[in-house]
Amino acid sequence: GNILLMRTPKNDFAAFNLDDCSYVMYNAKKDS
């Protein structure tokens, strides 16, 4: 839908709301 999940090489991720370009992020542990 309107949520785009993006992940960094270190497995941190952000869920972007494409309606307003806001996001929530999470700093994950290695190999998550």
Full PDB file with SEQRES, HELIX, SHEET, SSBOND, CRYST1, ORIGX, SCALE, CONECT and MASTER records, all heavy atoms in Angstrom:
SEQRES   1 A   32  GLY ASN ILE LEU LEU MET ARG THR PRO LYS ASN ASP PHE          
SEQRES   2 A   32  ALA ALA PHE ASN LEU ASP ASP CYS SER TYR VAL MET TYR          
SEQRES   3 A   32  ASN ALA LYS LYS ASP SER                                      
SHEET    1 AA1 3 ILE A   3  ARG A   7  0                                        
SHEET    2 AA1 3 PHE A  13  ASN A  17 -1                                        
SHEET    3 AA1 3 SER A  22  TYR A  26 -1                                        
CRYST1    1.000    1.000    1.000  90.00  90.00  90.00 P 1           1          
ORIGX1      1.000000  0.000000  0.000000        0.00000                         
ORIGX2      0.000000  1.000000  0.000000        0.00000                         
ORIGX3      0.000000  0.000000  1.000000        0.00000                         
SCALE1      1.000000  0.000000  0.000000        0.00000                         
SCALE2      0.000000  1.000000  0.000000        0.00000                         
SCALE3      0.000000  0.000000  1.000000        0.00000                         
ATOM      1  N   GLY A   1       0.826  -1.203   0.000  1.00  0.00           N  
ATOM      2  CA  GLY A   1       0.000   0.000   0.000  1.00  0.00           C  
ATOM      3  C   GLY A   1       0.854   1.243   0.000  1.00  0.00           C  
ATOM      4  O   GLY A   1       1.713   1.415  -0.865  1.00  0.00           O  
ATOM      5  N   ASN A   2       0.662   2.102   0.991  1.00  0.00           N  
ATOM      6  CA  ASN A   2       1.423   3.348   1.050  1.00  0.00           C  
ATOM      7  C   ASN A   2       2.696   3.246   1.897  1.00  0.00           C  
ATOM      8  O   ASN A   2       3.382   4.237   2.092  1.00  0.00           O  
ATOM      9  CB  ASN A   2       0.546   4.475   1.593  1.00  0.00           C  
ATOM     10  CG  ASN A   2       0.179   4.270   3.046  1.00  0.00           C  
ATOM     11  OD1 ASN A   2       0.033   3.147   3.515  1.00  0.00           O  
ATOM     12  ND2 ASN A   2       0.013   5.359   3.768  1.00  0.00           N  
ATOM     13  N   ILE A   3       3.035   2.060   2.395  1.00  0.00           N  
ATOM     14  CA  ILE A   3       4.224   1.883   3.228  1.00  0.00           C  
ATOM     15  C   ILE A   3       5.341   1.212   2.415  1.00  0.00           C  
ATOM     16  O   ILE A   3       5.143   0.159   1.818  1.00  0.00           O  
ATOM     17  CB  ILE A   3       3.915   1.040   4.486  1.00  0.00           C  
ATOM     18  CG1 ILE A   3       2.836   1.709   5.326  1.00  0.00           C  
ATOM     19  CG2 ILE A   3       5.180   0.820   5.310  1.00  0.00           C  
ATOM     20  CD1 ILE A   3       3.200   3.077   5.876  1.00  0.00           C  
ATOM     21  N   LEU A   4       6.490   1.870   2.427  1.00  0.00           N  
ATOM     22  CA  LEU A   4       7.668   1.379   1.726  1.00  0.00           C  
ATOM     23  C   LEU A   4       8.730   1.056   2.767  1.00  0.00           C  
ATOM     24  O   LEU A   4       9.157   1.929   3.522  1.00  0.00           O  
ATOM     25  CB  LEU A   4       8.174   2.464   0.774  1.00  0.00           C  
ATOM     26  CG  LEU A   4       9.371   2.127  -0.091  1.00  0.00           C  
ATOM     27  CD1 LEU A   4       8.960   1.144  -1.184  1.00  0.00           C  
ATOM     28  CD2 LEU A   4       9.924   3.391  -0.710  1.00  0.00           C  
ATOM     29  N   LEU A   5       9.132  -0.203   2.862  1.00  0.00           N  
ATOM     30  CA  LEU A   5      10.132  -0.637   3.829  1.00  0.00           C  
ATOM     31  C   LEU A   5      11.502  -0.603   3.177  1.00  0.00           C  
ATOM     32  O   LEU A   5      11.726  -1.234   2.150  1.00  0.00           O  
ATOM     33  CB  LEU A   5       9.818  -2.051   4.322  1.00  0.00           C  
ATOM     34  CG  LEU A   5      10.741  -2.614   5.396  1.00  0.00           C  
ATOM     35  CD1 LEU A   5      10.635  -1.793   6.677  1.00  0.00           C  
ATOM     36  CD2 LEU A   5      10.412  -4.067   5.673  1.00  0.00           C  
ATOM     37  N   MET A   6      12.422   0.160   3.785  1.00  0.00           N  
ATOM     38  CA  MET A   6      13.778   0.277   3.267  1.00  0.00           C  
ATOM     39  C   MET A   6      14.762  -0.218   4.322  1.00  0.00           C  
ATOM     40  O   MET A   6      14.553  -0.005   5.510  1.00  0.00           O  
ATOM     41  CB  MET A   6      14.081   1.723   2.889  1.00  0.00           C  
ATOM     42  CG  MET A   6      13.186   2.213   1.772  1.00  0.00           C  
ATOM     43  SD  MET A   6      13.633   3.836   1.181  1.00  0.00           S  
ATOM     44  CE  MET A   6      15.160   3.480   0.344  1.00  0.00           C  
ATOM     45  N   ARG A   7      15.843  -0.878   3.868  1.00  0.00           N  
ATOM     46  CA  ARG A   7      16.823  -1.465   4.783  1.00  0.00           C  
ATOM     47  C   ARG A   7      18.232  -1.047   4.393  1.00  0.00           C  
ATOM     48  O   ARG A   7      18.585  -1.026   3.220  1.00  0.00           O  
ATOM     49  CB  ARG A   7      16.693  -2.981   4.724  1.00  0.00           C  
ATOM     50  CG  ARG A   7      17.504  -3.690   5.791  1.00  0.00           C  
ATOM     51  CD  ARG A   7      17.168  -5.124   5.828  1.00  0.00           C  
ATOM     52  NE  ARG A   7      18.261  -5.857   5.188  1.00  0.00           N  
ATOM     53  CZ  ARG A   7      18.250  -7.136   4.952  1.00  0.00           C  
ATOM     54  NH1 ARG A   7      17.188  -7.849   5.235  1.00  0.00           N  
ATOM     55  NH2 ARG A   7      19.263  -7.717   4.402  1.00  0.00           N  
ATOM     56  N   THR A   8      19.044  -0.742   5.410  1.00  0.00           N  
ATOM     57  CA  THR A   8      20.440  -0.368   5.183  1.00  0.00           C  
ATOM     58  C   THR A   8      21.302  -1.623   5.144  1.00  0.00           C  
ATOM     59  O   THR A   8      20.861  -2.701   5.552  1.00  0.00           O  
ATOM     60  CB  THR A   8      20.956   0.560   6.311  1.00  0.00           C  
ATOM     61  OG1 THR A   8      21.070  -0.206   7.514  1.00  0.00           O  
ATOM     62  CG2 THR A   8      20.055   1.753   6.519  1.00  0.00           C  
ATOM     63  N   PRO A   9      22.547  -1.499   4.701  1.00  0.00           N  
ATOM     64  CA  PRO A   9      23.449  -2.664   4.711  1.00  0.00           C  
ATOM     65  C   PRO A   9      23.680  -3.235   6.112  1.00  0.00           C  
ATOM     66  O   PRO A   9      23.986  -4.412   6.261  1.00  0.00           O  
ATOM     67  CB  PRO A   9      24.748  -2.118   4.123  1.00  0.00           C  
ATOM     68  CG  PRO A   9      24.315  -0.974   3.272  1.00  0.00           C  
ATOM     69  CD  PRO A   9      23.142  -0.367   3.984  1.00  0.00           C  
ATOM     70  N   LYS A  10      23.508  -2.416   7.163  1.00  0.00           N  
ATOM     71  CA  LYS A  10      23.683  -2.899   8.542  1.00  0.00           C  
ATOM     72  C   LYS A  10      22.358  -3.356   9.161  1.00  0.00           C  
ATOM     73  O   LYS A  10      22.255  -3.525  10.365  1.00  0.00           O  
ATOM     74  CB  LYS A  10      24.307  -1.806   9.400  1.00  0.00           C  
ATOM     75  CG  LYS A  10      25.738  -1.505   9.008  1.00  0.00           C  
ATOM     76  CD  LYS A  10      26.355  -0.517   9.951  1.00  0.00           C  
ATOM     77  CE  LYS A  10      27.797  -0.272   9.565  1.00  0.00           C  
ATOM     78  NZ  LYS A  10      28.454   0.653  10.495  1.00  0.00           N  
ATOM     79  N   ASN A  11      21.323  -3.516   8.342  1.00  0.00           N  
ATOM     80  CA  ASN A  11      20.004  -4.022   8.739  1.00  0.00           C  
ATOM     81  C   ASN A  11      19.149  -3.037   9.529  1.00  0.00           C  
ATOM     82  O   ASN A  11      18.124  -3.425  10.076  1.00  0.00           O  
ATOM     83  CB  ASN A  11      20.095  -5.357   9.472  1.00  0.00           C  
ATOM     84  CG  ASN A  11      20.543  -6.468   8.559  1.00  0.00           C  
ATOM     85  OD1 ASN A  11      20.314  -6.413   7.359  1.00  0.00           O  
ATOM     86  ND2 ASN A  11      21.184  -7.458   9.102  1.00  0.00           N  
ATOM     87  N   ASP A  12      19.547  -1.773   9.649  1.00  0.00           N  
ATOM     88  CA  ASP A  12      18.628  -0.770  10.176  1.00  0.00           C  
ATOM     89  C   ASP A  12      17.542  -0.602   9.119  1.00  0.00           C  
ATOM     90  O   ASP A  12      17.781  -0.832   7.935  1.00  0.00           O  
ATOM     91  CB  ASP A  12      19.341   0.566  10.392  1.00  0.00           C  
ATOM     92  CG  ASP A  12      20.450   0.474  11.425  1.00  0.00           C  
ATOM     93  OD1 ASP A  12      20.404  -0.440  12.261  1.00  0.00           O  
ATOM     94  OD2 ASP A  12      21.348   1.325  11.388  1.00  0.00           O  
ATOM     95  N   PHE A  13      16.354  -0.208   9.536  1.00  0.00           N  
ATOM     96  CA  PHE A  13      15.309  -0.040   8.526  1.00  0.00           C  
ATOM     97  C   PHE A  13      14.391   1.114   8.853  1.00  0.00           C  
ATOM     98  O   PHE A  13      14.344   1.600   9.978  1.00  0.00           O  
ATOM     99  CB  PHE A  13      14.520  -1.337   8.326  1.00  0.00           C  
ATOM    100  CG  PHE A  13      13.784  -1.819   9.537  1.00  0.00           C  
ATOM    101  CD1 PHE A  13      12.486  -1.416   9.790  1.00  0.00           C  
ATOM    102  CD2 PHE A  13      14.388  -2.700  10.425  1.00  0.00           C  
ATOM    103  CE1 PHE A  13      11.810  -1.874  10.901  1.00  0.00           C  
ATOM    104  CE2 PHE A  13      13.714  -3.163  11.531  1.00  0.00           C  
ATOM    105  CZ  PHE A  13      12.425  -2.749  11.772  1.00  0.00           C  
ATOM    106  N   ALA A  14      13.697   1.559   7.811  1.00  0.00           N  
ATOM    107  CA  ALA A  14      12.734   2.647   7.933  1.00  0.00           C  
ATOM    108  C   ALA A  14      11.503   2.286   7.122  1.00  0.00           C  
ATOM    109  O   ALA A  14      11.606   1.718   6.033  1.00  0.00           O  
ATOM    110  CB  ALA A  14      13.320   3.954   7.430  1.00  0.00           C  
ATOM    111  N   ALA A  15      10.333   2.611   7.671  1.00  0.00           N  
ATOM    112  CA  ALA A  15       9.058   2.414   6.972  1.00  0.00           C  
ATOM    113  C   ALA A  15       8.560   3.789   6.557  1.00  0.00           C  
ATOM    114  O   ALA A  15       8.148   4.587   7.390  1.00  0.00           O  
ATOM    115  CB  ALA A  15       8.058   1.713   7.881  1.00  0.00           C  
ATOM    116  N   PHE A  16       8.641   4.088   5.264  1.00  0.00           N  
ATOM    117  CA  PHE A  16       8.213   5.373   4.714  1.00  0.00           C  
ATOM    118  C   PHE A  16       6.740   5.343   4.355  1.00  0.00           C  
ATOM    119  O   PHE A  16       6.268   4.407   3.719  1.00  0.00           O  
ATOM    120  CB  PHE A  16       9.005   5.706   3.442  1.00  0.00           C  
ATOM    121  CG  PHE A  16      10.331   6.341   3.701  1.00  0.00           C  
ATOM    122  CD1 PHE A  16      11.444   5.581   3.973  1.00  0.00           C  
ATOM    123  CD2 PHE A  16      10.472   7.727   3.671  1.00  0.00           C  
ATOM    124  CE1 PHE A  16      12.671   6.172   4.208  1.00  0.00           C  
ATOM    125  CE2 PHE A  16      11.684   8.324   3.906  1.00  0.00           C  
ATOM    126  CZ  PHE A  16      12.794   7.547   4.172  1.00  0.00           C  
ATOM    127  N   ASN A  17       6.017   6.384   4.746  1.00  0.00           N  
ATOM    128  CA  ASN A  17       4.629   6.578   4.350  1.00  0.00           C  
ATOM    129  C   ASN A  17       4.660   7.414   3.073  1.00  0.00           C  
ATOM    130  O   ASN A  17       5.054   8.577   3.092  1.00  0.00           O  
ATOM    131  CB  ASN A  17       3.867   7.309   5.457  1.00  0.00           C  
ATOM    132  CG  ASN A  17       2.413   7.499   5.146  1.00  0.00           C  
ATOM    133  OD1 ASN A  17       2.011   7.596   3.985  1.00  0.00           O  
ATOM    134  ND2 ASN A  17       1.599   7.568   6.178  1.00  0.00           N  
ATOM    135  N   LEU A  18       4.239   6.839   1.961  1.00  0.00           N  
ATOM    136  CA  LEU A  18       4.331   7.523   0.674  1.00  0.00           C  
ATOM    137  C   LEU A  18       3.267   8.603   0.489  1.00  0.00           C  
ATOM    138  O   LEU A  18       3.333   9.353  -0.473  1.00  0.00           O  
ATOM    139  CB  LEU A  18       4.262   6.507  -0.469  1.00  0.00           C  
ATOM    140  CG  LEU A  18       5.425   5.521  -0.513  1.00  0.00           C  
ATOM    141  CD1 LEU A  18       5.242   4.552  -1.674  1.00  0.00           C  
ATOM    142  CD2 LEU A  18       6.761   6.235  -0.613  1.00  0.00           C  
ATOM    143  N   ASP A  19       2.313   8.704   1.401  1.00  0.00           N  
ATOM    144  CA  ASP A  19       1.320   9.774   1.295  1.00  0.00           C  
ATOM    145  C   ASP A  19       1.904  11.122   1.714  1.00  0.00           C  
ATOM    146  O   ASP A  19       1.569  12.152   1.147  1.00  0.00           O  
ATOM    147  CB  ASP A  19       0.084   9.458   2.137  1.00  0.00           C  
ATOM    148  CG  ASP A  19      -0.713   8.309   1.551  1.00  0.00           C  
ATOM    149  OD1 ASP A  19      -0.757   8.177   0.307  1.00  0.00           O  
ATOM    150  OD2 ASP A  19      -1.290   7.538   2.343  1.00  0.00           O  
ATOM    151  N   ASP A  20       2.803  11.106   2.716  1.00  0.00           N  
ATOM    152  CA  ASP A  20       3.360  12.372   3.205  1.00  0.00           C  
ATOM    153  C   ASP A  20       4.877  12.342   3.377  1.00  0.00           C  
ATOM    154  O   ASP A  20       5.466  13.297   3.858  1.00  0.00           O  
ATOM    155  CB  ASP A  20       2.695  12.773   4.511  1.00  0.00           C  
ATOM    156  CG  ASP A  20       2.928  11.767   5.625  1.00  0.00           C  
ATOM    157  OD1 ASP A  20       3.704  10.813   5.448  1.00  0.00           O  
ATOM    158  OD2 ASP A  20       2.310  11.934   6.692  1.00  0.00           O  
ATOM    159  N   CYS A  21       5.520  11.252   2.992  1.00  0.00           N  
ATOM    160  CA  CYS A  21       6.979  11.085   3.033  1.00  0.00           C  
ATOM    161  C   CYS A  21       7.539  11.049   4.457  1.00  0.00           C  
ATOM    162  O   CYS A  21       8.726  11.239   4.659  1.00  0.00           O  
ATOM    163  CB  CYS A  21       7.683  12.163   2.206  1.00  0.00           C  
ATOM    164  SG  CYS A  21       9.230  11.571   1.490  1.00  0.00           S  
ATOM    165  N   SER A  22       6.692  10.811   5.449  1.00  0.00           N  
ATOM    166  CA  SER A  22       7.188  10.640   6.811  1.00  0.00           C  
ATOM    167  C   SER A  22       7.687   9.205   6.969  1.00  0.00           C  
ATOM    168  O   SER A  22       7.377   8.341   6.147  1.00  0.00           O  
ATOM    169  CB  SER A  22       6.085  10.930   7.825  1.00  0.00           C  
ATOM    170  OG  SER A  22       5.029   9.998   7.675  1.00  0.00           O  
ATOM    171  N   TYR A  23       8.459   8.964   8.020  1.00  0.00           N  
ATOM    172  CA  TYR A  23       8.914   7.598   8.245  1.00  0.00           C  
ATOM    173  C   TYR A  23       9.178   7.349   9.722  1.00  0.00           C  
ATOM    174  O   TYR A  23       9.372   8.267  10.501  1.00  0.00           O  
ATOM    175  CB  TYR A  23      10.167   7.269   7.421  1.00  0.00           C  
ATOM    176  CG  TYR A  23      11.444   7.954   7.839  1.00  0.00           C  
ATOM    177  CD1 TYR A  23      12.294   7.387   8.780  1.00  0.00           C  
ATOM    178  CD2 TYR A  23      11.820   9.168   7.271  1.00  0.00           C  
ATOM    179  CE1 TYR A  23      13.479   8.005   9.146  1.00  0.00           C  
ATOM    180  CE2 TYR A  23      13.009   9.790   7.625  1.00  0.00           C  
ATOM    181  CZ  TYR A  23      13.828   9.202   8.566  1.00  0.00           C  
ATOM    182  OH  TYR A  23      15.000   9.817   8.925  1.00  0.00           O  
ATOM    183  N   VAL A  24       9.142   6.073  10.073  1.00  0.00           N  
ATOM    184  CA  VAL A  24       9.590   5.615  11.383  1.00  0.00           C  
ATOM    185  C   VAL A  24      10.777   4.698  11.121  1.00  0.00           C  
ATOM    186  O   VAL A  24      10.820   3.999  10.119  1.00  0.00           O  
ATOM    187  CB  VAL A  24       8.483   4.874  12.176  1.00  0.00           C  
ATOM    188  CG1 VAL A  24       7.371   5.823  12.554  1.00  0.00           C  
ATOM    189  CG2 VAL A  24       7.926   3.709  11.403  1.00  0.00           C  
ATOM    190  N   MET A  25      11.757   4.739  12.032  1.00  0.00           N  
ATOM    191  CA  MET A  25      12.956   3.942  11.806  1.00  0.00           C  
ATOM    192  C   MET A  25      13.292   3.094  13.020  1.00  0.00           C  
ATOM    193  O   MET A  25      12.789   3.348  14.116  1.00  0.00           O  
ATOM    194  CB  MET A  25      14.135   4.832  11.450  1.00  0.00           C  
ATOM    195  CG  MET A  25      14.529   5.822  12.511  1.00  0.00           C  
ATOM    196  SD  MET A  25      15.942   6.784  11.996  1.00  0.00           S  
ATOM    197  CE  MET A  25      17.176   6.088  13.065  1.00  0.00           C  
ATOM    198  N   TYR A  26      14.107   2.103  12.796  1.00  0.00           N  
ATOM    199  CA  TYR A  26      14.533   1.199  13.849  1.00  0.00           C  
ATOM    200  C   TYR A  26      15.995   0.852  13.605  1.00  0.00           C  
ATOM    201  O   TYR A  26      16.356   0.429  12.509  1.00  0.00           O  
ATOM    202  CB  TYR A  26      13.670  -0.063  13.825  1.00  0.00           C  
ATOM    203  CG  TYR A  26      13.993  -1.053  14.910  1.00  0.00           C  
ATOM    204  CD1 TYR A  26      13.612  -0.826  16.220  1.00  0.00           C  
ATOM    205  CD2 TYR A  26      14.662  -2.233  14.618  1.00  0.00           C  
ATOM    206  CE1 TYR A  26      13.894  -1.744  17.217  1.00  0.00           C  
ATOM    207  CE2 TYR A  26      14.942  -3.160  15.613  1.00  0.00           C  
ATOM    208  CZ  TYR A  26      14.562  -2.903  16.907  1.00  0.00           C  
ATOM    209  OH  TYR A  26      14.845  -3.814  17.891  1.00  0.00           O  
ATOM    210  N   ASN A  27      16.828   1.043  14.603  1.00  0.00           N  
ATOM    211  CA  ASN A  27      18.234   0.669  14.507  1.00  0.00           C  
ATOM    212  C   ASN A  27      18.377  -0.763  15.000  1.00  0.00           C  
ATOM    213  O   ASN A  27      18.334  -1.030  16.192  1.00  0.00           O  
ATOM    214  CB  ASN A  27      19.105   1.614  15.333  1.00  0.00           C  
ATOM    215  CG  ASN A  27      19.113   3.004  14.749  1.00  0.00           C  
ATOM    216  OD1 ASN A  27      19.068   3.181  13.538  1.00  0.00           O  
ATOM    217  ND2 ASN A  27      19.143   3.998  15.596  1.00  0.00           N  
ATOM    218  N   ALA A  28      18.521  -1.667  14.072  1.00  0.00           N  
ATOM    219  CA  ALA A  28      18.521  -3.096  14.373  1.00  0.00           C  
ATOM    220  C   ALA A  28      19.918  -3.606  14.700  1.00  0.00           C  
ATOM    221  O   ALA A  28      20.921  -2.961  14.417  1.00  0.00           O  
ATOM    222  CB  ALA A  28      17.967  -3.863  13.179  1.00  0.00           C  
ATOM    223  N   LYS A  29      19.945  -4.788  15.268  1.00  0.00           N  
ATOM    224  CA  LYS A  29      21.208  -5.463  15.558  1.00  0.00           C  
ATOM    225  C   LYS A  29      21.700  -6.165  14.301  1.00  0.00           C  
ATOM    226  O   LYS A  29      20.935  -6.460  13.388  1.00  0.00           O  
ATOM    227  CB  LYS A  29      21.012  -6.469  16.681  1.00  0.00           C  
ATOM    228  CG  LYS A  29      20.703  -5.809  18.010  1.00  0.00           C  
ATOM    229  CD  LYS A  29      20.632  -6.819  19.128  1.00  0.00           C  
ATOM    230  CE  LYS A  29      20.493  -6.100  20.443  1.00  0.00           C  
ATOM    231  NZ  LYS A  29      19.270  -6.375  21.138  1.00  0.00           N  
ATOM    232  N   LYS A  30      22.979  -6.434  14.269  1.00  0.00           N  
ATOM    233  CA  LYS A  30      23.592  -7.110  13.132  1.00  0.00           C  
ATOM    234  C   LYS A  30      22.908  -8.451  12.881  1.00  0.00           C  
ATOM    235  O   LYS A  30      22.535  -9.153  13.816  1.00  0.00           O  
ATOM    236  CB  LYS A  30      25.081  -7.321  13.413  1.00  0.00           C  
ATOM    237  CG  LYS A  30      25.834  -7.906  12.260  1.00  0.00           C  
ATOM    238  CD  LYS A  30      27.298  -8.064  12.594  1.00  0.00           C  
ATOM    239  CE  LYS A  30      28.020  -8.691  11.428  1.00  0.00           C  
ATOM    240  NZ  LYS A  30      29.414  -8.957  11.750  1.00  0.00           N  
ATOM    241  N   ASP A  31      22.744  -8.784  11.619  1.00  0.00           N  
ATOM    242  CA  ASP A  31      22.156 -10.055  11.168  1.00  0.00           C  
ATOM    243  C   ASP A  31      20.677 -10.199  11.517  1.00  0.00           C  
ATOM    244  O   ASP A  31      20.160 -11.315  11.544  1.00  0.00           O  
ATOM    245  CB  ASP A  31      22.937 -11.255  11.709  1.00  0.00           C  
ATOM    246  CG  ASP A  31      24.365 -11.284  11.207  1.00  0.00           C  
ATOM    247  OD1 ASP A  31      24.594 -10.834  10.058  1.00  0.00           O  
ATOM    248  OD2 ASP A  31      25.250 -11.745  11.949  1.00  0.00           O  
ATOM    249  N   SER A  32      19.987  -9.113  11.802  1.00  0.00           N  
ATOM    250  CA  SER A  32      18.547  -9.209  12.055  1.00  0.00           C  
ATOM    251  C   SER A  32      17.804  -9.271  10.724  1.00  0.00           C  
ATOM    252  O   SER A  32      18.356  -8.977   9.665  1.00  0.00           O  
ATOM    253  CB  SER A  32      18.073  -7.995  12.861  1.00  0.00           C  
ATOM    254  OG  SER A  32      18.148  -6.829  12.077  1.00  0.00           O  
TER     255      SER A  32                                                      
MASTER        0    0    0    0    3    0    0    6  254    1    0    3          
END                                                                             
